Protein backbone atom coordinates (compact mmCIF):
# COMPACT_ATOMS: atom_id res chain seq x y z
CA UNK A 1 19.40 40.13 10.15
CA UNK A 2 19.64 42.90 7.40
CA UNK A 3 18.27 46.37 8.24
CA UNK A 4 15.16 47.34 6.49
CA UNK A 5 15.27 50.79 5.01
CA UNK A 6 11.38 50.65 3.78
CA UNK A 7 9.56 52.30 6.61
CA UNK A 8 6.22 50.93 5.79
CA UNK A 9 5.81 47.10 6.67
CA UNK A 10 2.86 44.78 6.22
CA UNK A 11 0.21 44.80 8.93
CA UNK A 12 -0.10 41.73 11.39
CA UNK A 13 -0.89 38.80 9.12
CA UNK A 14 -1.64 35.09 9.18
CA UNK A 15 -0.79 33.15 6.27
CA UNK A 16 -2.43 29.88 5.47
CA UNK A 17 -0.54 27.77 2.98
CA UNK A 18 -2.78 25.00 1.42
CA UNK A 19 -0.44 22.32 0.26
CA UNK A 20 1.93 23.10 3.01
CA UNK A 21 3.54 19.75 2.97
CA UNK A 22 4.07 19.94 -0.69
CA UNK A 23 7.07 20.74 -3.02
CA UNK A 24 6.10 24.34 -3.79
CA UNK A 25 6.08 25.40 -0.13
CA UNK A 26 9.56 23.50 0.71
CA UNK A 27 11.31 24.76 -2.38
CA UNK A 28 9.90 28.42 -2.85
CA UNK A 29 7.29 29.53 -0.42
CA UNK A 30 8.88 29.18 2.93
CA UNK A 31 12.57 29.98 1.73
CA UNK A 32 10.92 33.30 0.35
CA UNK A 33 9.17 34.13 3.59
CA UNK A 34 12.30 33.37 5.56
CA UNK A 35 14.32 35.70 3.32
CA UNK A 36 11.70 38.35 3.77
CA UNK A 37 11.99 37.93 7.54
CA UNK A 38 15.74 38.09 7.49
CA UNK A 39 15.51 41.41 5.63
CA UNK A 40 13.17 42.88 8.10
CA UNK A 41 10.19 42.90 5.76
CA UNK A 42 7.82 40.63 7.41
CA UNK A 43 4.99 42.03 9.61
CA UNK A 44 6.01 42.87 13.22
CA UNK A 45 3.40 40.06 14.32
CA UNK A 46 2.82 37.21 11.77
CA UNK A 47 2.08 33.51 11.64
CA UNK A 48 2.41 30.77 8.90
CA UNK A 49 0.07 27.92 9.00
CA UNK A 50 0.87 24.79 6.69
CA UNK A 51 -2.21 22.79 6.00
CA UNK A 52 -2.34 19.31 4.45
CA UNK A 53 -3.31 15.69 4.85
CA UNK A 54 -0.01 14.64 5.88
CA UNK A 55 0.27 13.57 9.61
CA UNK A 56 2.69 16.21 10.78
CA UNK A 57 3.44 17.62 14.13
CA UNK A 58 4.50 21.13 14.33
CA UNK A 59 7.90 20.01 15.14
CA UNK A 60 8.12 17.46 12.15
CA UNK A 61 6.64 20.18 9.80
CA UNK A 62 9.46 22.77 10.83
CA UNK A 63 12.13 20.07 10.19
CA UNK A 64 10.46 19.26 6.79
CA UNK A 65 10.84 23.02 5.90
CA UNK A 66 14.34 23.30 7.21
CA UNK A 67 15.34 20.85 4.77
CA UNK A 68 14.10 23.12 2.11
CA UNK A 69 15.82 26.11 3.57
CA UNK A 70 19.06 24.17 3.57
CA UNK A 71 18.65 23.01 -0.15
CA UNK A 72 16.96 25.90 -1.67
CA UNK A 73 17.20 29.26 0.13
CA UNK A 74 19.87 31.72 -1.04
CA UNK A 75 20.42 31.92 2.70
CA UNK A 76 21.14 28.51 3.56
CA UNK A 77 24.66 29.34 4.88
CA UNK A 78 23.65 32.48 6.50
CA UNK A 79 21.35 31.47 9.46
CA UNK A 80 23.33 31.88 12.72
CA UNK A 81 20.26 30.60 14.81
CA UNK A 82 17.96 32.84 12.79
CA UNK A 83 15.67 29.82 11.63
CA UNK A 84 14.96 28.90 15.09
CA UNK A 85 13.46 32.28 15.88
CA UNK A 86 11.59 32.42 12.71
CA UNK A 87 10.26 28.74 13.04
CA UNK A 88 8.50 29.58 16.21
CA UNK A 89 5.92 31.25 13.95
CA UNK A 90 5.16 28.25 11.89
CA UNK A 91 2.48 25.53 12.74
CA UNK A 92 0.71 22.88 10.87
CA UNK A 93 -2.95 22.11 10.55
CA UNK A 94 -3.91 18.71 9.39
CA UNK A 95 -7.02 18.88 7.31
CA UNK A 96 -9.17 17.53 4.43
CA UNK A 97 -9.75 20.12 1.99
CA UNK A 98 -12.98 18.38 1.05
CA UNK A 99 -14.38 18.31 4.52
CA UNK A 100 -16.10 21.77 5.47
CA UNK A 101 -15.96 20.98 9.05
CA UNK A 102 -12.13 21.00 8.99
CA UNK A 103 -12.14 24.72 8.13
CA UNK A 104 -13.30 25.54 11.38
CA UNK A 105 -9.89 24.77 12.68
CA UNK A 106 -8.73 27.86 10.46
CA UNK A 107 -11.42 30.12 12.14
CA UNK A 108 -10.30 28.92 15.48
CA UNK A 109 -6.48 29.71 14.55
CA UNK A 110 -7.51 33.20 13.37
CA UNK A 111 -9.55 33.76 16.47
CA UNK A 112 -6.61 32.66 18.78
CA UNK A 113 -3.96 34.98 17.09
CA UNK A 114 -6.33 38.03 16.93
CA UNK A 115 -6.94 37.64 20.85
CA UNK A 116 -3.33 37.37 21.41
CA UNK A 117 -2.29 40.23 19.19
CA UNK A 118 -5.24 42.31 20.12
CA UNK A 119 -5.60 43.42 16.56
CA UNK A 120 -7.79 42.26 13.58
CA UNK A 121 -5.34 40.51 11.53
CA UNK A 122 -4.75 40.43 7.88
CA UNK A 123 -5.19 36.84 6.38
CA UNK A 124 -3.34 35.57 3.30
CA UNK A 125 -4.93 32.31 1.80
CA UNK A 126 -2.14 30.59 -0.48
CA UNK A 127 -3.48 27.90 -2.52
CA UNK A 128 -0.27 26.01 -3.39
CA UNK A 129 -2.60 23.15 -4.59
CA UNK A 130 -3.46 20.95 -7.78
CA UNK A 131 -5.89 23.32 -9.75
CA UNK A 132 -8.69 20.88 -9.51
CA UNK A 133 -8.71 21.69 -5.68
CA UNK A 134 -8.96 25.40 -6.03
CA UNK A 135 -12.77 25.42 -6.57
CA UNK A 136 -13.40 23.28 -3.53
CA UNK A 137 -10.99 25.15 -1.26
CA UNK A 138 -12.20 28.56 -2.41
CA UNK A 139 -15.88 27.74 -1.76
CA UNK A 140 -15.26 26.39 1.88
CA UNK A 141 -13.12 29.55 2.64
CA UNK A 142 -15.92 31.59 1.63
CA UNK A 143 -17.89 30.40 4.63
CA UNK A 144 -15.52 31.86 7.15
CA UNK A 145 -16.18 35.35 8.38
CA UNK A 146 -12.80 36.39 7.84
CA UNK A 147 -12.83 35.70 4.23
CA UNK A 148 -15.56 38.28 3.81
CA UNK A 149 -13.43 40.99 5.12
CA UNK A 150 -12.35 42.65 1.79
CA UNK A 151 -9.85 44.84 3.25
CA UNK A 152 -8.17 42.13 5.44
CA UNK A 153 -8.33 38.77 3.29
CA UNK A 154 -6.70 37.94 0.32
CA UNK A 155 -6.36 34.53 -1.85
CA UNK A 156 -3.49 33.79 -3.92
CA UNK A 157 -4.07 31.29 -6.77
CA UNK A 158 -1.30 29.64 -8.59
CA UNK A 159 -1.29 28.87 -12.30
CA UNK A 160 -2.48 27.16 -14.35
CA UNK A 161 -5.53 29.43 -14.24
CA UNK A 162 -7.99 27.15 -16.23
CA UNK A 163 -7.33 24.74 -19.03
CA UNK A 164 -8.80 26.84 -21.64
CA UNK A 165 -10.78 29.82 -22.20
CA UNK A 166 -14.06 28.08 -20.97
CA UNK A 167 -12.63 26.60 -17.86
CA UNK A 168 -10.81 29.96 -17.09
CA UNK A 169 -14.00 31.85 -17.29
CA UNK A 170 -15.79 29.30 -15.03
CA UNK A 171 -13.17 29.70 -12.48
CA UNK A 172 -13.22 33.44 -12.76
CA UNK A 173 -16.87 33.36 -12.20
CA UNK A 174 -16.69 31.29 -9.18
CA UNK A 175 -13.81 33.20 -7.58
CA UNK A 176 -15.47 36.71 -8.31
CA UNK A 177 -18.78 35.12 -7.00
CA UNK A 178 -17.01 34.12 -3.63
CA UNK A 179 -14.43 37.03 -3.17
CA UNK A 180 -14.18 40.59 -4.41
CA UNK A 181 -11.79 40.99 -7.40
CA UNK A 182 -9.37 43.00 -5.19
CA UNK A 183 -9.01 39.90 -2.95
CA UNK A 184 -7.84 37.63 -5.73
CA UNK A 185 -4.09 37.57 -6.49
CA UNK A 186 -3.50 35.12 -9.59
CA UNK A 187 0.34 34.66 -9.29
CA UNK A 188 2.79 34.26 -12.11
CA UNK A 189 6.45 34.19 -10.54
CA UNK A 190 7.85 35.37 -13.75
CA UNK A 191 6.63 38.83 -12.94
CA UNK A 192 8.44 38.77 -9.79
CA UNK A 193 11.73 38.45 -11.41
CA UNK A 194 14.22 41.57 -11.09
CA UNK A 195 14.96 41.84 -14.78
CA UNK A 196 11.29 41.62 -15.61
CA UNK A 197 10.47 44.39 -13.27
CA UNK A 198 13.41 46.32 -14.62
CA UNK A 199 11.75 46.60 -18.16
CA UNK A 200 9.51 49.24 -17.11
CA UNK A 201 12.17 51.30 -15.70
CA UNK A 202 14.50 50.77 -18.62
CA UNK A 203 11.74 51.95 -21.07
CA UNK A 204 10.08 54.74 -19.13
CA UNK A 205 12.67 56.19 -17.09
CA UNK A 206 15.13 56.74 -19.90
CA UNK A 207 14.46 59.33 -22.73
CA UNK A 208 16.87 57.30 -24.84
CA UNK A 209 14.61 54.51 -25.58
CA UNK A 210 10.87 55.54 -25.39
CA UNK A 211 10.97 57.82 -28.62
CA UNK A 212 12.21 55.01 -30.83
CA UNK A 213 10.13 52.24 -29.00
CA UNK A 214 7.85 51.77 -32.03
CA UNK A 215 7.01 50.52 -35.69
CA UNK A 216 9.12 53.26 -37.09
CA UNK A 217 12.39 52.08 -35.58
CA UNK A 218 11.87 48.44 -34.55
CA UNK A 219 12.07 45.80 -37.00
CA UNK A 220 10.79 42.74 -34.76
CA UNK A 221 10.86 41.43 -31.24
CA UNK A 222 11.80 38.03 -30.08
CA UNK A 223 11.09 36.29 -26.71
CA UNK A 224 12.65 32.99 -26.07
CA UNK A 225 12.15 30.82 -22.95
CA UNK A 226 14.41 27.75 -23.27
CA UNK A 227 15.07 24.87 -20.80
CA UNK A 228 17.69 22.25 -20.98
CA UNK A 229 15.54 19.68 -19.06
CA UNK A 230 12.65 17.57 -20.03
CA UNK A 231 9.28 16.98 -18.20
CA UNK A 232 11.08 15.18 -15.61
CA UNK A 233 8.51 13.58 -13.21
CA UNK A 234 5.83 15.82 -14.29
CA UNK A 235 4.65 13.78 -17.32
CA UNK A 236 1.13 13.36 -16.02
CA UNK A 237 0.57 17.01 -15.55
CA UNK A 238 2.43 17.78 -18.83
CA UNK A 239 -0.15 15.55 -20.79
CA UNK A 240 -2.85 17.74 -19.62
CA UNK A 241 -0.87 21.01 -20.45
CA UNK A 242 1.95 21.33 -23.24
CA UNK A 243 4.20 24.21 -23.93
CA UNK A 244 1.76 26.42 -25.47
CA UNK A 245 -0.47 26.43 -22.32
CA UNK A 246 2.33 25.98 -19.86
CA UNK A 247 4.36 28.99 -21.14
CA UNK A 248 3.03 30.98 -23.86
CA UNK A 249 -0.43 31.83 -22.28
CA UNK A 250 0.94 33.08 -19.13
CA UNK A 251 4.56 33.75 -18.76
CA UNK A 252 5.55 34.75 -22.44
CA UNK A 253 2.48 36.80 -23.10
CA UNK A 254 3.13 38.72 -19.77
CA UNK A 255 6.57 39.35 -20.92
CA UNK A 256 5.13 40.64 -24.25
CA UNK A 257 2.77 43.07 -22.38
CA UNK A 258 5.65 44.55 -20.55
CA UNK A 259 7.66 45.17 -23.74
CA UNK A 260 4.77 46.35 -25.82
CA UNK A 261 2.38 48.44 -23.42
CA UNK A 262 1.99 52.13 -23.54
CA UNK A 263 3.40 54.43 -20.93
CA UNK A 264 1.37 54.52 -17.73
CA UNK A 265 0.40 57.82 -15.99
CA UNK A 266 1.10 56.15 -12.79
CA UNK A 267 2.26 52.84 -11.12
CA UNK A 268 -0.97 52.25 -9.53
CA UNK A 269 -2.03 48.69 -9.86
CA UNK A 270 -4.98 49.06 -12.11
CA UNK A 271 -3.28 51.67 -14.33
CA UNK A 272 -0.50 49.02 -15.02
CA UNK A 273 -2.83 46.35 -15.55
CA UNK A 274 -5.07 48.23 -17.71
CA UNK A 275 -2.11 48.93 -20.12
CA UNK A 276 -1.30 45.19 -20.12
CA UNK A 277 -5.01 44.48 -21.20
CA UNK A 278 -4.81 46.84 -23.81
CA UNK A 279 -1.92 45.18 -25.41
CA UNK A 280 -3.68 41.55 -25.10
CA UNK A 281 -6.70 42.95 -26.74
CA UNK A 282 -4.83 44.45 -29.48
CA UNK A 283 -3.04 41.13 -30.31
CA UNK A 284 -4.30 39.97 -33.81
CA UNK A 285 -6.36 36.76 -33.19
CA UNK A 286 -5.05 34.01 -35.47
CA UNK A 287 -7.81 32.48 -37.83
CA UNK A 288 -7.75 28.65 -37.46
CA UNK A 289 -7.02 28.20 -41.26
CA UNK A 290 -3.88 30.24 -40.84
CA UNK A 291 -2.52 28.57 -37.83
CA UNK A 292 -0.01 26.78 -39.73
CA UNK A 293 1.61 29.89 -41.05
CA UNK A 294 1.87 31.50 -37.70
CA UNK A 295 2.42 28.79 -34.97
CA UNK A 296 4.83 25.70 -34.88
CA UNK A 297 4.83 22.72 -32.63
CA UNK A 298 7.48 20.11 -31.56
CA UNK A 299 7.91 17.19 -29.35
CA UNK A 300 11.33 15.90 -28.34
CA UNK A 301 12.62 12.60 -29.33
CA UNK A 302 15.42 10.60 -27.37
CA UNK A 303 19.00 11.69 -27.66
CA UNK A 304 21.81 13.26 -25.79
CA UNK A 305 22.14 16.57 -24.13
CA UNK A 306 24.89 17.69 -21.86
CA UNK A 307 26.59 14.32 -21.86
CA UNK A 308 23.41 12.30 -20.75
CA UNK A 309 21.19 10.10 -22.96
CA UNK A 310 17.55 10.95 -22.40
CA UNK A 311 14.26 9.38 -23.13
CA UNK A 312 11.78 10.72 -25.76
CA UNK A 313 8.66 12.52 -24.50
CA UNK A 314 6.64 9.46 -25.48
CA UNK A 315 8.78 7.31 -23.18
CA UNK A 316 8.40 9.48 -20.03
CA UNK A 317 6.50 8.20 -17.05
CA UNK A 318 2.77 9.17 -17.34
CA UNK A 319 2.78 10.00 -21.03
CA UNK A 320 0.89 8.08 -23.51
CA UNK A 321 3.00 6.19 -26.03
CA UNK A 322 1.36 7.92 -28.89
CA UNK A 323 1.02 11.46 -27.24
CA UNK A 324 0.59 14.49 -29.46
CA UNK A 325 1.44 16.93 -26.66
CA UNK A 326 3.77 19.71 -27.58
CA UNK A 327 7.11 20.34 -25.64
CA UNK A 328 8.06 23.02 -28.11
CA UNK A 329 5.94 25.90 -29.42
CA UNK A 330 6.90 29.00 -31.44
CA UNK A 331 4.43 31.63 -32.52
CA UNK A 332 4.46 34.73 -34.61
CA UNK A 333 2.08 37.54 -33.14
CA UNK A 334 1.11 40.95 -34.46
CA UNK A 335 -0.29 43.66 -32.22
CA UNK A 336 -2.72 45.87 -34.18
CA UNK A 337 -2.32 49.37 -32.64
CA UNK A 338 -0.51 52.64 -33.68
CA UNK A 339 2.72 51.74 -32.04
CA UNK A 340 3.08 48.26 -33.20
CA UNK A 341 1.26 47.88 -36.52
CA UNK A 342 3.26 45.60 -38.86
CA UNK A 343 5.93 44.63 -36.16
CA UNK A 344 6.22 40.89 -35.70
CA UNK A 345 6.57 39.39 -32.26
CA UNK A 346 8.31 36.00 -32.49
CA UNK A 347 8.06 33.75 -29.24
CA UNK A 348 9.38 30.32 -28.63
CA UNK A 349 9.65 27.97 -25.83
CA UNK A 350 10.67 24.33 -25.22
CA UNK A 351 12.16 21.53 -23.17
CA UNK A 352 15.55 20.00 -23.87
CA UNK A 353 16.76 22.97 -25.79
CA UNK A 354 20.42 23.95 -26.46
CA UNK A 355 20.69 26.01 -23.36
CA UNK A 356 18.59 27.53 -20.45
CA UNK A 357 17.73 31.00 -21.16
CA UNK A 358 14.93 33.48 -21.16
CA UNK A 359 15.75 36.37 -23.47
CA UNK A 360 13.83 39.43 -24.87
CA UNK A 361 15.45 40.94 -28.04
CA UNK A 362 14.32 44.21 -29.70
CA UNK A 363 15.66 44.19 -33.05
CA UNK A 364 15.91 47.64 -34.63
CA UNK A 365 15.82 48.46 -38.42
CA UNK A 366 19.15 48.82 -40.22
CA UNK A 367 20.68 52.25 -40.54
CA UNK A 368 21.43 53.12 -44.26
CA UNK A 369 25.04 52.03 -45.42
CA UNK A 370 25.43 54.27 -48.55
CA UNK A 371 27.79 56.77 -46.75
CA UNK A 372 30.33 54.02 -46.02
CA UNK A 373 32.89 52.25 -48.12
CA UNK A 374 31.98 48.36 -48.91
CA UNK A 375 34.73 47.08 -46.50
CA UNK A 376 33.13 49.21 -43.73
CA UNK A 377 29.84 47.11 -43.86
CA UNK A 378 31.19 43.41 -44.08
CA UNK A 379 30.16 42.86 -40.45
CA UNK A 380 27.32 45.20 -40.53
CA UNK A 381 24.69 44.55 -37.84
CA UNK A 382 21.38 46.35 -37.01
CA UNK A 383 21.22 47.72 -33.44
CA UNK A 384 19.87 45.36 -30.88
CA UNK A 385 18.69 45.62 -27.33
CA UNK A 386 18.77 42.37 -25.53
CA UNK A 387 17.33 41.76 -21.92
CA UNK A 388 18.53 38.49 -20.60
CA UNK A 389 16.07 37.42 -17.67
CA UNK A 390 17.77 34.10 -16.77
CA UNK A 391 20.12 32.53 -15.90
CA UNK A 392 22.27 35.66 -16.13
CA UNK A 393 20.58 38.83 -15.65
CA UNK A 394 21.66 41.48 -17.89
CA UNK A 395 20.94 44.19 -20.49
CA UNK A 396 22.99 44.79 -23.52
CA UNK A 397 22.86 47.25 -26.44
CA UNK A 398 24.55 46.12 -29.72
CA UNK A 399 25.86 49.01 -31.82
CA UNK A 400 28.61 49.62 -34.53
CA UNK A 401 32.04 51.01 -33.67
CA UNK A 402 35.12 51.63 -35.71
CA UNK A 403 37.92 49.44 -35.23
CA UNK A 404 41.45 51.18 -34.34
CA UNK A 405 43.35 51.61 -37.52
CA UNK A 406 43.83 53.75 -40.75
CA UNK A 407 40.74 52.06 -42.57
CA UNK A 408 36.96 52.61 -41.94
CA UNK A 409 36.31 48.98 -40.63
CA UNK A 410 33.20 48.58 -38.52
CA UNK A 411 32.53 45.88 -35.94
CA UNK A 412 29.45 45.33 -33.82
CA UNK A 413 30.11 45.75 -30.04
CA UNK A 414 28.02 45.19 -26.86
CA UNK A 415 27.49 47.64 -24.04
CA UNK A 416 26.34 45.69 -21.00
CA UNK A 417 24.73 46.37 -17.76
CA UNK A 418 25.17 43.37 -15.47
CA UNK A 419 23.37 42.88 -12.28
CA UNK A 420 25.99 41.02 -10.80
CA UNK A 421 28.84 43.46 -11.67
CA UNK A 422 26.84 46.55 -10.74
CA UNK A 423 25.08 45.47 -7.67
CA UNK A 424 26.59 43.33 -4.99
CA UNK A 425 23.79 42.80 -2.65
CA UNK A 426 21.79 39.71 -3.17
CA UNK A 427 18.85 39.97 -5.43
CA UNK A 428 15.41 38.72 -3.90
CA UNK A 429 14.01 35.66 -5.44
CA UNK A 430 10.89 36.21 -7.59
CA UNK A 431 8.61 34.71 -4.88
CA UNK A 432 9.77 37.01 -2.36
CA UNK A 433 8.94 40.05 -4.46
CA UNK A 434 5.45 38.74 -5.13
CA UNK A 435 4.62 37.47 -1.55
CA UNK A 436 5.63 40.72 -0.13
CA UNK A 437 3.35 42.37 -2.69
CA UNK A 438 0.56 40.30 -1.53
CA UNK A 439 1.31 40.92 2.25
CA UNK A 440 1.25 44.65 1.24
CA UNK A 441 -2.08 44.34 -0.42
CA UNK A 442 -0.25 45.53 -3.89
CA UNK A 443 -1.81 43.59 -6.90
CA UNK A 444 0.17 45.40 -9.62
CA UNK A 445 2.27 42.16 -10.64
CA UNK A 446 -0.63 39.78 -10.38
CA UNK A 447 -3.00 39.00 -13.01
CA UNK A 448 -6.48 40.22 -13.23
CA UNK A 449 -9.48 38.19 -14.24
CA UNK A 450 -9.84 40.00 -17.54
CA UNK A 451 -6.11 39.54 -18.44
CA UNK A 452 -6.37 35.73 -17.83
CA UNK A 453 -9.27 35.58 -20.28
CA UNK A 454 -8.05 37.51 -22.97
CA UNK A 455 -4.76 35.48 -22.87
CA UNK A 456 -6.62 32.50 -23.46
CA UNK A 457 -8.47 33.91 -26.33
CA UNK A 458 -5.23 34.75 -27.93
CA UNK A 459 -3.96 31.03 -27.99
CA UNK A 460 -7.37 29.21 -28.21
CA UNK A 461 -7.42 29.04 -32.16
CA UNK A 462 -3.83 27.42 -32.05
CA UNK A 463 -5.07 25.17 -29.30
CA UNK A 464 -8.17 24.09 -31.09
CA UNK A 465 -6.33 23.74 -34.45
CA UNK A 466 -3.65 21.61 -32.95
CA UNK A 467 -6.01 19.32 -31.12
CA UNK A 468 -8.18 18.64 -34.09
CA UNK A 469 -5.13 18.13 -36.32
CA UNK A 470 -2.92 15.66 -34.85
CA UNK A 471 0.80 16.06 -35.92
CA UNK A 472 2.19 13.51 -38.29
CA UNK A 473 5.95 14.15 -37.57
CA UNK A 474 6.13 13.81 -33.70
CA UNK A 475 8.82 13.48 -32.30
CA UNK A 476 10.41 16.16 -34.56
CA UNK A 477 13.36 17.49 -32.66
CA UNK A 478 16.24 16.01 -30.77
CA UNK A 479 17.38 17.05 -27.29
CA UNK A 480 20.25 19.73 -27.50
CA UNK A 481 18.85 21.55 -30.53
CA UNK A 482 16.84 24.80 -30.88
CA UNK A 483 13.55 22.62 -31.59
CA UNK A 484 12.11 21.54 -35.00
CA UNK A 485 13.18 22.93 -38.36
CA UNK A 486 9.86 24.53 -38.88
CA UNK A 487 10.61 27.01 -36.15
CA UNK A 488 13.49 28.11 -38.12
CA UNK A 489 11.41 28.31 -41.20
CA UNK A 490 8.86 30.45 -39.35
CA UNK A 491 11.31 33.22 -38.79
CA UNK A 492 13.46 32.81 -41.84
CA UNK A 493 10.46 33.19 -44.40
CA UNK A 494 10.98 36.96 -43.76
CA UNK A 495 14.70 36.95 -43.88
CA UNK A 496 15.19 36.76 -40.10
CA UNK A 497 16.81 34.42 -37.48
CA UNK A 498 16.53 33.43 -34.01
CA UNK A 499 18.94 35.47 -31.89
CA UNK A 500 20.79 33.77 -29.05
CA UNK A 501 23.68 34.90 -26.83
CA UNK A 502 27.08 33.14 -26.57
CA UNK A 503 26.93 30.19 -23.97
CA UNK A 504 29.65 31.98 -21.92
CA UNK A 505 29.20 35.64 -21.24
CA UNK A 506 31.99 36.45 -18.89
CA UNK A 507 35.02 38.99 -19.36
CA UNK A 508 35.32 41.28 -22.19
CA UNK A 509 32.98 41.03 -25.08
């Protein structure tokens, strides 16, 4: 077991995972909790209770989770008997979330552990369930005495948080009537990624960047979140979602907030979240009649990608044959405040694109060329800061340098910080970071209710317009491309282009 140098550990905690027999728990949650335990970061006394309708014994449930460890954990080859010790704290409660009587089993488990541990335990209710089950579970949990303990009970809610602004407001109202806002942890796993968290360190711990992080020096910002897979077996879910809802409303807008927020005076949770809310409130609302100028949608056709022939979206299981759901979305945002006035933020996301990547690009304005001879400026490039979040995690600064020789010839070169090269210890998975924060009662990286609603307000005009104006050109892009032609036109109209990194980024640049 890795020694933990953090002297503060979570208090004794019971973790209830609703949807414990489901895919999210097997692939992400239990592997994350296991890694935290291996790192010495779990509470000294803890219990993990999975709930679900599947008829598991404790032993069969542990076997099911071990299969997930062996397939998905970053420590699948580093166990040495540790799993057997960890698994002693795992049990299973078969229950129907629609049956209020079944929640008495939760109350009994809490009481038994508190009696055994001789402490008043913290309780974490993790709702790894379909969104439509959240209201029923939350309502029933509220009837438990322990859930009313504001200081010791928390509820973690997975995205999507609502289907639109109205449903998000209704869900927020329900949850805040049942729980204190400080108990509600709306999770977005992107915020747990190491490179995302490093954005704040990069900006505010370095005098090099903050003085030029504004409209005076930055030409525009790009955020790309691209996937090389289609909807796979999630066609039924995706029919109710689409790229704009699934990615832009939460993940991408949260990345935009990290890039655009003002400097915090502290790293207290509400201070950070207030700064993010300020950004969301400052995003210019797109008028419905202007949506076509600011937003582009796409849907993939059949075609070849990475040597495989793939079906069109409309041929996927669970998808309507005439579906108008977007599998690609690109939007141009403006932030109307002193720092960012007039600087466009271009974002795009899609399925079956050329490569899997999440990339933030800060494009600076060009330096004047008049002092250099013509031949020096043939390969002239404006300075650029690129933050690669996945699959490779690095930060690179593009700048001009003189080539060796007797002439003044300039070339753009990259200065690269690579996590893999600089730090050899394994990085925690995003869910590890966020689960530890939830155990510690630190809501900094979780979305507050007002943030969720304002994010919906930002994209609501686009959603309404798209739903009322069915596209006439779907499907409009092939697998293995960067999306529809209109996405290129969106940025090219102002003399810019989408920026990508070379597919292979190893060795010398």
